[in-house]
Amino acid sequence: MKLNNRKYKVLNTERNNPMQQHVLRASWLASSSAEKDLGVLMDNKLNMSQQRALAAKRANSVLGCIRRGVSSRSRELILSLCSALPRDEKVKEAPKGQEDGDHGIKVEDVAE
């Protein structure tokens, strides 16, 4: 079976030697600090903080569009509009107790 070496990347997870090079059939493989597979973005520390940051950014931009486009800003109206939006099934909320301390990410409050 022939393999296309240009399609493969190595996600280095070693802490002792993070710049280790890998070889596949006499050619060097490219390395990466983060990779997206099956819709999930993982970095070399094996946490998903970038994934949560992107999801929060996307949610905040949707809320901003709703704020700018709706003349009435009642909480009930905005929450009903948000619940009608399609959900991305690939992005799941982290189970309680497994957060990695990334507290800078939040979806802003819709009420003013």
N, C-alpha and C. Protein backbone atom coordinates (compact mmCIF):
# COMPACT_ATOMS: atom_id res chain seq x y z
N MET A 1 0.84 -1.17 0.00
CA MET A 1 0.00 0.00 0.00
C MET A 1 0.89 1.24 0.00
N LYS A 2 0.63 2.16 -0.91
CA LYS A 2 1.40 3.39 -0.98
C LYS A 2 0.79 4.43 -0.05
N LEU A 3 1.66 5.13 0.64
CA LEU A 3 1.23 6.19 1.55
C LEU A 3 1.75 7.52 1.04
N ASN A 4 0.91 8.53 1.11
CA ASN A 4 1.31 9.88 0.74
C ASN A 4 1.82 10.57 1.99
N ASN A 5 3.12 10.71 2.10
CA ASN A 5 3.73 11.27 3.31
C ASN A 5 3.36 12.73 3.54
N ARG A 6 2.98 13.44 2.50
CA ARG A 6 2.63 14.85 2.65
C ARG A 6 1.30 15.02 3.40
N LYS A 7 0.48 13.98 3.43
CA LYS A 7 -0.81 14.08 4.12
C LYS A 7 -0.69 13.87 5.62
N TYR A 8 0.41 13.32 6.08
CA TYR A 8 0.56 12.97 7.49
C TYR A 8 1.32 14.05 8.25
N LYS A 9 0.85 14.33 9.47
CA LYS A 9 1.53 15.26 10.37
C LYS A 9 1.64 14.59 11.73
N VAL A 10 2.63 15.00 12.48
CA VAL A 10 2.85 14.45 13.82
C VAL A 10 2.46 15.52 14.84
N LEU A 11 1.64 15.12 15.79
CA LEU A 11 1.27 16.00 16.90
C LEU A 11 2.15 15.60 18.08
N ASN A 12 3.19 16.39 18.33
CA ASN A 12 4.16 16.07 19.39
C ASN A 12 3.53 16.29 20.76
N THR A 13 3.49 15.23 21.56
CA THR A 13 2.95 15.33 22.91
C THR A 13 4.01 15.11 23.97
N GLU A 14 5.23 14.85 23.57
CA GLU A 14 6.30 14.62 24.54
C GLU A 14 6.71 15.92 25.19
N ARG A 15 6.90 15.87 26.49
CA ARG A 15 7.32 17.06 27.21
C ARG A 15 8.84 17.16 27.27
N ASN A 16 9.51 16.02 27.23
CA ASN A 16 10.97 16.03 27.33
C ASN A 16 11.64 16.47 26.04
N ASN A 17 11.09 16.07 24.91
CA ASN A 17 11.69 16.38 23.62
C ASN A 17 10.59 16.80 22.65
N PRO A 18 10.09 18.03 22.76
CA PRO A 18 8.95 18.44 21.93
C PRO A 18 9.27 18.62 20.45
N MET A 19 10.53 18.74 20.10
CA MET A 19 10.89 18.99 18.70
C MET A 19 11.43 17.73 18.02
N GLN A 20 11.09 16.57 18.53
CA GLN A 20 11.56 15.31 17.95
C GLN A 20 10.99 15.14 16.54
N GLN A 21 11.82 14.70 15.62
CA GLN A 21 11.42 14.47 14.24
C GLN A 21 11.04 13.01 14.04
N HIS A 22 10.09 12.75 13.15
CA HIS A 22 9.64 11.39 12.89
C HIS A 22 9.81 11.07 11.41
N VAL A 23 10.09 9.81 11.12
CA VAL A 23 10.34 9.35 9.76
C VAL A 23 9.32 8.28 9.40
N LEU A 24 8.79 8.37 8.17
CA LEU A 24 7.91 7.34 7.64
C LEU A 24 8.43 6.98 6.26
N ARG A 25 8.91 5.77 6.12
CA ARG A 25 9.44 5.27 4.84
C ARG A 25 10.50 6.20 4.25
N ALA A 26 11.47 6.49 5.02
CA ALA A 26 12.65 7.27 4.61
C ALA A 26 12.36 8.72 4.26
N SER A 27 11.24 9.27 4.71
CA SER A 27 11.01 10.71 4.52
C SER A 27 10.49 11.29 5.84
N TRP A 28 10.89 12.53 6.09
CA TRP A 28 10.53 13.20 7.33
C TRP A 28 9.07 13.62 7.30
N LEU A 29 8.40 13.48 8.43
CA LEU A 29 7.01 13.91 8.56
C LEU A 29 6.96 15.31 9.14
N ALA A 30 6.00 16.09 8.70
CA ALA A 30 5.82 17.44 9.24
C ALA A 30 5.24 17.34 10.65
N SER A 31 5.60 18.30 11.49
CA SER A 31 5.05 18.32 12.85
C SER A 31 4.11 19.51 12.99
N SER A 32 3.22 19.41 13.95
CA SER A 32 2.22 20.44 14.15
C SER A 32 1.97 20.61 15.64
N SER A 33 1.60 21.82 16.06
CA SER A 33 1.30 22.04 17.47
C SER A 33 -0.18 21.85 17.78
N ALA A 34 -1.03 21.85 16.74
CA ALA A 34 -2.47 21.61 16.92
C ALA A 34 -3.04 21.02 15.65
N GLU A 35 -3.98 20.12 15.80
CA GLU A 35 -4.62 19.47 14.66
C GLU A 35 -6.11 19.36 14.89
N LYS A 36 -6.87 19.45 13.81
CA LYS A 36 -8.31 19.29 13.88
C LYS A 36 -8.69 17.98 13.20
N ASP A 37 -9.37 17.12 13.94
CA ASP A 37 -9.79 15.83 13.41
C ASP A 37 -11.21 15.56 13.88
N LEU A 38 -12.07 15.18 12.97
CA LEU A 38 -13.48 14.92 13.28
C LEU A 38 -14.14 16.12 13.93
N GLY A 39 -13.73 17.32 13.54
CA GLY A 39 -14.33 18.54 14.06
C GLY A 39 -13.83 18.98 15.42
N VAL A 40 -12.86 18.29 15.98
CA VAL A 40 -12.34 18.63 17.31
C VAL A 40 -10.90 19.09 17.17
N LEU A 41 -10.59 20.25 17.73
CA LEU A 41 -9.25 20.81 17.66
C LEU A 41 -8.49 20.45 18.93
N MET A 42 -7.40 19.71 18.77
CA MET A 42 -6.56 19.29 19.90
C MET A 42 -5.18 19.92 19.72
N ASP A 43 -4.60 20.36 20.84
CA ASP A 43 -3.24 20.89 20.76
C ASP A 43 -2.26 19.88 21.34
N ASN A 44 -0.98 20.27 21.37
CA ASN A 44 0.05 19.32 21.79
C ASN A 44 0.01 19.01 23.29
N LYS A 45 -0.76 19.75 24.06
CA LYS A 45 -0.93 19.44 25.48
C LYS A 45 -2.17 18.57 25.71
N LEU A 46 -2.81 18.16 24.63
CA LEU A 46 -4.00 17.31 24.64
C LEU A 46 -5.17 17.93 25.39
N ASN A 47 -5.29 19.26 25.34
CA ASN A 47 -6.49 19.87 25.88
C ASN A 47 -7.23 20.57 24.75
N MET A 48 -8.45 20.92 25.00
CA MET A 48 -9.29 21.47 23.95
C MET A 48 -9.65 22.93 24.23
N SER A 49 -8.74 23.69 24.82
CA SER A 49 -9.04 25.08 25.15
C SER A 49 -9.24 25.92 23.89
N GLN A 50 -8.48 25.63 22.83
CA GLN A 50 -8.68 26.36 21.57
C GLN A 50 -10.05 26.06 20.99
N GLN A 51 -10.51 24.81 21.11
CA GLN A 51 -11.82 24.42 20.61
C GLN A 51 -12.91 25.20 21.35
N ARG A 52 -12.78 25.29 22.67
CA ARG A 52 -13.78 26.02 23.45
C ARG A 52 -13.72 27.51 23.14
N ALA A 53 -12.53 28.05 22.91
CA ALA A 53 -12.41 29.47 22.57
C ALA A 53 -13.09 29.76 21.24
N LEU A 54 -12.91 28.88 20.26
CA LEU A 54 -13.57 29.08 18.97
C LEU A 54 -15.08 28.98 19.09
N ALA A 55 -15.57 28.03 19.89
CA ALA A 55 -17.02 27.88 20.08
C ALA A 55 -17.60 29.10 20.78
N ALA A 56 -16.90 29.62 21.79
CA ALA A 56 -17.38 30.81 22.50
C ALA A 56 -17.35 32.03 21.59
N LYS A 57 -16.32 32.15 20.76
CA LYS A 57 -16.23 33.27 19.82
C LYS A 57 -17.37 33.22 18.82
N ARG A 58 -17.67 32.02 18.32
CA ARG A 58 -18.77 31.85 17.38
C ARG A 58 -20.11 32.21 18.03
N ALA A 59 -20.30 31.77 19.28
CA ALA A 59 -21.54 32.08 19.99
C ALA A 59 -21.67 33.57 20.25
N ASN A 60 -20.59 34.22 20.64
CA ASN A 60 -20.63 35.66 20.88
C ASN A 60 -20.91 36.44 19.61
N SER A 61 -20.40 35.98 18.47
CA SER A 61 -20.68 36.69 17.22
C SER A 61 -22.14 36.53 16.82
N VAL A 62 -22.72 35.36 17.07
CA VAL A 62 -24.15 35.16 16.78
C VAL A 62 -24.99 36.06 17.68
N LEU A 63 -24.63 36.13 18.96
CA LEU A 63 -25.37 37.01 19.87
C LEU A 63 -25.23 38.47 19.47
N GLY A 64 -24.06 38.86 18.99
CA GLY A 64 -23.87 40.23 18.52
C GLY A 64 -24.73 40.55 17.32
N CYS A 65 -24.85 39.59 16.40
CA CYS A 65 -25.72 39.79 15.23
C CYS A 65 -27.18 39.91 15.66
N ILE A 66 -27.58 39.11 16.63
CA ILE A 66 -28.95 39.20 17.12
C ILE A 66 -29.18 40.55 17.79
N ARG A 67 -28.21 41.00 18.58
CA ARG A 67 -28.36 42.30 19.25
C ARG A 67 -28.50 43.44 18.25
N ARG A 68 -27.68 43.42 17.21
CA ARG A 68 -27.72 44.50 16.23
C ARG A 68 -28.96 44.44 15.35
N GLY A 69 -29.51 43.24 15.14
CA GLY A 69 -30.62 43.10 14.21
C GLY A 69 -32.00 43.14 14.82
N VAL A 70 -32.10 43.13 16.14
CA VAL A 70 -33.40 43.09 16.80
C VAL A 70 -33.62 44.40 17.53
N SER A 71 -34.79 45.03 17.30
CA SER A 71 -35.04 46.31 17.95
C SER A 71 -35.43 46.13 19.42
N SER A 72 -36.18 45.07 19.73
CA SER A 72 -36.56 44.80 21.12
C SER A 72 -35.48 43.93 21.75
N ARG A 73 -35.00 44.33 22.90
CA ARG A 73 -33.91 43.58 23.53
C ARG A 73 -34.39 42.88 24.80
N SER A 74 -35.61 42.41 24.79
CA SER A 74 -36.08 41.69 25.98
C SER A 74 -35.37 40.34 26.05
N ARG A 75 -35.09 39.90 27.23
CA ARG A 75 -34.35 38.66 27.45
C ARG A 75 -35.11 37.46 26.88
N GLU A 76 -36.43 37.44 27.03
CA GLU A 76 -37.22 36.31 26.56
C GLU A 76 -37.14 36.18 25.04
N LEU A 77 -37.20 37.30 24.33
CA LEU A 77 -37.14 37.26 22.87
C LEU A 77 -35.78 36.76 22.39
N ILE A 78 -34.72 37.26 22.97
CA ILE A 78 -33.38 36.86 22.54
C ILE A 78 -33.12 35.40 22.87
N LEU A 79 -33.55 34.94 24.04
CA LEU A 79 -33.36 33.53 24.39
C LEU A 79 -34.16 32.61 23.47
N SER A 80 -35.35 33.04 23.06
CA SER A 80 -36.12 32.20 22.13
C SER A 80 -35.45 32.16 20.76
N LEU A 81 -34.84 33.27 20.33
CA LEU A 81 -34.11 33.27 19.06
C LEU A 81 -32.87 32.38 19.15
N CYS A 82 -32.16 32.42 20.27
CA CYS A 82 -30.96 31.60 20.43
C CYS A 82 -31.31 30.12 20.46
N SER A 83 -32.42 29.77 21.07
CA SER A 83 -32.79 28.35 21.14
C SER A 83 -33.22 27.82 19.78
N ALA A 84 -33.62 28.70 18.86
CA ALA A 84 -34.03 28.27 17.53
C ALA A 84 -32.84 28.07 16.59
N LEU A 85 -31.65 28.52 16.98
CA LEU A 85 -30.47 28.38 16.12
C LEU A 85 -30.06 26.92 16.02
N PRO A 86 -29.52 26.49 14.86
CA PRO A 86 -29.03 25.11 14.76
C PRO A 86 -27.80 24.92 15.63
N ARG A 87 -27.68 23.78 16.22
CA ARG A 87 -26.57 23.49 17.12
C ARG A 87 -25.53 22.64 16.40
N ASP A 88 -24.26 22.88 16.73
CA ASP A 88 -23.17 22.09 16.20
C ASP A 88 -23.01 20.87 17.10
N GLU A 89 -23.32 19.69 16.60
CA GLU A 89 -23.31 18.48 17.41
C GLU A 89 -21.90 18.03 17.76
N LYS A 90 -20.89 18.51 17.03
CA LYS A 90 -19.52 18.07 17.28
C LYS A 90 -18.94 18.72 18.53
N VAL A 91 -19.41 19.92 18.86
CA VAL A 91 -18.88 20.64 20.01
C VAL A 91 -19.75 20.30 21.21
N LYS A 92 -19.19 19.65 22.17
CA LYS A 92 -19.91 19.24 23.37
C LYS A 92 -19.35 20.02 24.55
N GLU A 93 -20.21 20.26 25.53
CA GLU A 93 -19.76 20.95 26.74
C GLU A 93 -18.93 19.99 27.56
N ALA A 94 -17.88 20.50 28.18
CA ALA A 94 -17.00 19.66 29.00
C ALA A 94 -17.76 19.20 30.23
N PRO A 95 -17.60 17.94 30.62
CA PRO A 95 -18.25 17.46 31.84
C PRO A 95 -17.76 18.22 33.06
N LYS A 96 -18.61 18.33 34.06
CA LYS A 96 -18.25 19.09 35.26
C LYS A 96 -17.06 18.44 35.94
N GLY A 97 -16.13 19.28 36.40
CA GLY A 97 -14.96 18.79 37.10
C GLY A 97 -13.79 18.49 36.18
N GLN A 98 -13.97 18.61 34.86
CA GLN A 98 -12.88 18.31 33.94
C GLN A 98 -12.39 19.54 33.20
N GLU A 99 -12.74 20.72 33.68
CA GLU A 99 -12.24 21.93 33.04
C GLU A 99 -10.76 22.05 33.34
N ASP A 100 -10.02 22.64 32.41
CA ASP A 100 -8.58 22.74 32.61
C ASP A 100 -8.16 24.13 33.08
N GLY A 101 -9.09 24.89 33.66
CA GLY A 101 -8.73 26.18 34.22
C GLY A 101 -8.78 27.31 33.22
N ASP A 102 -9.41 27.12 32.08
CA ASP A 102 -9.51 28.16 31.07
C ASP A 102 -10.75 28.99 31.36
N HIS A 103 -10.65 29.91 32.33
CA HIS A 103 -11.81 30.65 32.78
C HIS A 103 -12.02 31.95 32.02
N GLY A 104 -11.19 32.27 31.05
CA GLY A 104 -11.34 33.51 30.31
C GLY A 104 -12.39 33.44 29.21
N ILE A 105 -13.01 32.29 29.03
CA ILE A 105 -13.96 32.12 27.95
C ILE A 105 -15.36 32.11 28.53
N LYS A 106 -16.23 32.95 28.00
CA LYS A 106 -17.62 32.92 28.44
C LYS A 106 -18.48 33.49 27.32
N VAL A 107 -19.71 33.06 27.32
CA VAL A 107 -20.68 33.64 26.41
C VAL A 107 -21.26 34.83 27.13
N GLU A 108 -21.20 36.00 26.48
CA GLU A 108 -21.62 37.20 27.17
C GLU A 108 -23.11 37.19 27.45
N ASP A 109 -23.50 37.88 28.49
CA ASP A 109 -24.90 37.93 28.89
C ASP A 109 -25.70 38.72 27.86
N VAL A 110 -26.88 38.25 27.50
CA VAL A 110 -27.66 38.89 26.45
C VAL A 110 -28.51 40.03 26.98
N ALA A 111 -28.78 40.08 28.27
CA ALA A 111 -29.62 41.14 28.83
C ALA A 111 -28.76 42.37 29.12
N GLU A 112 -29.35 43.52 28.92
CA GLU A 112 -28.61 44.76 29.22
C GLU A 112 -29.22 45.47 30.39
